[in-house]
Protein backbone atom coordinates (compact mmCIF):
# COMPACT_ATOMS: atom_id res chain seq x y z
CA MET A 1 80.90 -60.74 3.39
CA ALA A 2 83.09 -63.03 5.43
CA GLN A 3 83.03 -66.97 4.53
CA THR A 4 81.16 -69.11 7.01
CA ARG A 5 83.77 -71.07 9.01
CA LEU A 6 83.38 -74.79 9.57
CA VAL A 7 84.81 -77.49 11.43
CA ILE A 8 84.45 -81.21 10.29
CA ALA A 9 84.67 -84.22 12.31
CA ASP A 10 84.67 -87.91 10.93
CA ASP A 11 86.74 -90.63 12.11
CA GLU A 12 87.20 -91.68 8.42
CA SER A 13 89.76 -89.47 6.59
CA LEU A 14 88.14 -90.32 3.21
CA ILE A 15 84.83 -89.04 4.15
CA ARG A 16 86.40 -86.10 5.85
CA MET A 17 88.32 -85.29 2.62
CA ASN A 18 84.99 -85.85 0.46
CA LEU A 19 82.79 -83.63 2.94
CA LYS A 20 85.63 -80.88 2.92
CA GLU A 21 85.65 -80.93 -0.88
CA THR A 22 82.02 -80.58 -1.07
CA LEU A 23 81.77 -77.71 1.74
CA VAL A 24 84.45 -75.61 -0.02
CA GLY A 25 82.89 -76.22 -3.40
CA LEU A 26 79.41 -74.73 -1.51
CA GLY A 27 81.68 -71.59 -0.74
CA TYR A 28 82.34 -72.45 2.94
CA LEU A 29 85.84 -72.27 4.57
CA VAL A 30 86.71 -75.24 6.57
CA VAL A 31 89.07 -74.20 9.30
CA GLY A 32 89.31 -77.37 11.06
CA GLU A 33 89.22 -81.21 10.82
CA ALA A 34 89.10 -83.81 13.71
CA GLY A 35 88.71 -87.58 13.52
CA ASP A 36 87.12 -88.12 17.00
CA GLY A 37 84.73 -86.26 19.50
CA VAL A 38 87.27 -85.05 21.89
CA SER A 39 89.42 -83.45 19.13
CA ALA A 40 86.21 -81.90 17.51
CA ILE A 41 85.57 -80.11 20.94
CA ASN A 42 89.08 -78.93 21.48
CA LEU A 43 89.35 -77.52 17.87
CA ALA A 44 85.88 -75.85 18.23
CA ARG A 45 86.85 -74.28 21.53
CA GLU A 46 90.10 -72.82 20.03
CA LEU A 47 88.73 -72.02 16.48
CA ARG A 48 85.04 -70.77 17.48
CA PRO A 49 83.59 -72.09 14.01
CA ASP A 50 80.07 -71.04 12.79
CA LEU A 51 78.86 -74.52 12.38
CA VAL A 52 80.50 -78.04 13.50
CA VAL A 53 79.50 -80.80 11.06
CA MET A 54 80.15 -84.20 12.54
CA ASP A 55 79.50 -87.86 12.08
CA ILE A 56 77.78 -89.88 15.31
CA LYS A 57 79.91 -92.67 15.49
CA MET A 58 83.53 -91.52 16.27
CA PRO A 59 86.32 -93.08 18.86
CA ARG A 60 86.92 -91.38 22.29
CA LEU A 61 83.53 -89.36 22.41
CA ASP A 62 80.58 -90.05 20.17
CA GLY A 63 79.35 -87.03 17.84
CA ILE A 64 76.11 -86.67 20.00
CA GLN A 65 77.96 -86.26 23.36
CA ALA A 66 80.45 -83.84 21.62
CA ALA A 67 77.32 -81.90 20.06
CA GLU A 68 75.76 -81.75 23.65
CA ILE A 69 79.11 -80.03 25.02
CA LEU A 70 79.42 -77.63 22.30
CA THR A 71 75.83 -76.66 22.48
CA GLN A 72 75.91 -76.37 26.46
CA GLU A 73 78.95 -74.20 25.97
CA ARG A 74 77.30 -72.21 23.25
CA ILE A 75 80.30 -72.50 21.11
CA ALA A 76 78.93 -73.63 17.73
CA PRO A 77 75.78 -75.31 16.32
CA VAL A 78 76.14 -78.85 15.63
CA LEU A 79 75.00 -80.51 12.32
CA LEU A 80 75.09 -84.19 12.65
CA LEU A 81 75.90 -86.14 9.49
CA THR A 82 75.51 -89.81 9.79
CA ALA A 83 74.68 -92.96 8.18
CA TYR A 84 72.35 -93.84 11.18
CA SER A 85 68.94 -92.72 11.39
CA ASP A 86 67.29 -94.91 14.26
CA ARG A 87 64.90 -93.38 16.67
CA GLU A 88 67.10 -93.75 19.66
CA LEU A 89 70.05 -91.58 18.18
CA VAL A 90 67.59 -88.84 16.67
CA GLU A 91 66.26 -88.65 20.19
CA ARG A 92 69.53 -88.49 21.75
CA ALA A 93 70.44 -85.77 19.09
CA LYS A 94 67.50 -83.76 20.10
CA GLU A 95 68.22 -83.77 23.60
CA ALA A 96 71.83 -82.80 22.91
CA GLY A 97 70.61 -79.85 21.27
CA VAL A 98 71.74 -80.69 17.77
CA VAL A 99 70.47 -78.38 15.48
CA ALA A 100 70.44 -80.38 12.21
CA TYR A 101 70.63 -84.09 11.50
CA LEU A 102 71.17 -85.28 7.97
CA VAL A 103 71.53 -88.83 6.90
CA LYS A 104 74.11 -90.21 4.42
CA PRO A 105 74.39 -90.67 1.37
CA PHE A 106 73.03 -87.07 1.43
CA ARG A 107 72.64 -85.05 -1.84
CA GLU A 108 74.66 -81.91 -2.12
CA ALA A 109 71.18 -79.87 -2.63
CA ASP A 110 70.12 -81.31 0.93
CA LEU A 111 73.48 -80.06 2.75
CA LEU A 112 73.08 -76.27 2.00
CA PRO A 113 69.59 -75.87 3.45
CA ALA A 114 70.70 -77.90 6.63
CA LEU A 115 73.55 -75.81 7.29
CA GLU A 116 72.13 -72.67 6.71
CA VAL A 117 69.14 -73.50 8.86
CA ALA A 118 71.40 -74.84 11.58
CA MET A 119 73.18 -71.56 11.71
CA ALA A 120 69.89 -69.57 11.83
CA ARG A 121 68.76 -71.69 14.65
CA PHE A 122 71.97 -71.40 16.86
CA ALA A 123 71.88 -67.63 16.15
CA GLU A 124 68.30 -67.46 17.61
CA LEU A 125 69.51 -69.39 20.39
CA ARG A 126 72.40 -67.07 21.19
CA ALA A 127 69.80 -64.17 20.79
CA MET A 128 67.51 -65.62 23.48
CA ASP A 129 70.34 -66.21 25.72
CA LYS A 130 71.46 -62.69 25.52
CA GLN A 131 67.71 -61.59 26.23
CA ILE A 132 67.44 -63.68 29.23
CA GLY A 133 70.93 -62.26 30.43
CA ASP A 134 69.88 -58.69 30.00
CA LEU A 135 66.22 -59.22 31.74
CA LYS A 136 68.26 -60.99 34.56
CA GLU A 137 70.55 -57.99 34.80
CA ALA A 138 67.70 -55.40 34.42
CA LEU A 139 65.73 -57.32 37.43
CA GLU A 140 68.77 -57.35 39.23
CA THR A 141 69.15 -53.72 38.79
CA ARG A 142 65.83 -53.13 39.86
CA LYS A 143 65.76 -54.82 42.94
CA VAL A 144 69.23 -53.11 44.30
CA VAL A 145 67.76 -49.73 43.38
CA GLU A 146 64.51 -50.40 45.19
CA ARG A 147 66.51 -51.45 48.36
CA ALA A 148 68.46 -48.28 47.96
CA LYS A 149 65.43 -46.02 47.32
CA GLY A 150 63.90 -47.44 50.64
CA LEU A 151 67.14 -46.88 52.49
CA LEU A 152 67.14 -43.22 51.41
CA MET A 153 63.53 -42.75 52.24
CA GLU A 154 64.01 -44.04 55.78
CA GLN A 155 67.17 -42.26 56.36
CA GLN A 156 66.76 -38.72 54.75
CA GLY A 157 62.91 -38.81 54.66
CA LEU A 158 62.73 -38.67 51.01
CA THR A 159 59.45 -39.61 49.02
CA GLU A 160 59.98 -42.51 46.55
CA ALA A 161 60.23 -40.17 43.72
CA GLU A 162 62.72 -38.12 45.43
CA ALA A 163 64.87 -40.87 46.67
CA PHE A 164 64.89 -42.48 42.72
CA ARG A 165 65.65 -38.96 41.52
CA LYS A 166 68.64 -38.65 43.85
CA ILE A 167 69.83 -42.25 42.78
CA GLN A 168 69.34 -41.14 39.03
CA GLN A 169 71.17 -37.63 39.60
CA LEU A 170 74.35 -39.50 41.36
CA SER A 171 74.61 -41.91 38.36
CA MET A 172 74.31 -39.09 35.83
CA ASN A 173 77.06 -36.99 37.82
CA THR A 174 79.45 -39.87 38.33
CA ARG A 175 78.60 -41.51 34.97
CA LYS A 176 77.92 -44.84 36.78
CA PRO A 177 75.02 -47.18 36.27
CA MET A 178 72.45 -46.90 38.48
CA LYS A 179 73.05 -50.20 40.00
CA GLU A 180 76.32 -49.29 41.14
CA ILE A 181 75.29 -46.09 42.76
CA ALA A 182 72.56 -48.00 44.58
CA GLN A 183 74.91 -50.86 45.68
CA ALA A 184 77.44 -48.22 46.82
CA LEU A 185 74.56 -46.58 48.90
CA LEU A 186 73.71 -49.84 50.76
CA LEU A 187 77.41 -50.64 51.26
CA ALA A 188 77.72 -47.44 52.99
CA ALA A 189 74.50 -47.91 55.13
CA GLN A 190 76.09 -51.29 55.99
CA ILE A 191 79.39 -49.71 57.11
CA GLU A 192 77.65 -46.86 59.13
CA HIS A 193 75.71 -49.67 61.21
């Protein structure tokens, strides 16, 4: 089984070093380290880690702003590891899509579950995104096929079932998706008129 790949970001190098040591000790692979939010984003975009562990208070871009970008771009889940636990920061973290929030000082026993739950939540988010994409594609295909069926019914006097069968048959014969066949039929009709 492949090791879980992490990027860590904290503006204090000593904290980064200790965190890396802890994570490696837990069996994770730290593939990148950053000292500010902008570098953390760039590193994550380049390395595509399984998880980014970062502090909130960092120069150039704070951890919450960086987490929001990483979450929007669906690059990696973010676990915030910070000394700050005030309500405003927690609220900002929630709105940014942070999947876990751990307050320093933390026990090593608290870190493992937080990391694993964060990655599981992010996997669910990606699966939902894929499902939404698949549903949108299916709906788009259905709309195009319906329009092409209507066209065939009108032009060739076919029943709805016959028009559908004709599109289906063309799809099988050409080994092209029904959506492409339907789009081609609609385009051909546009050219004729």
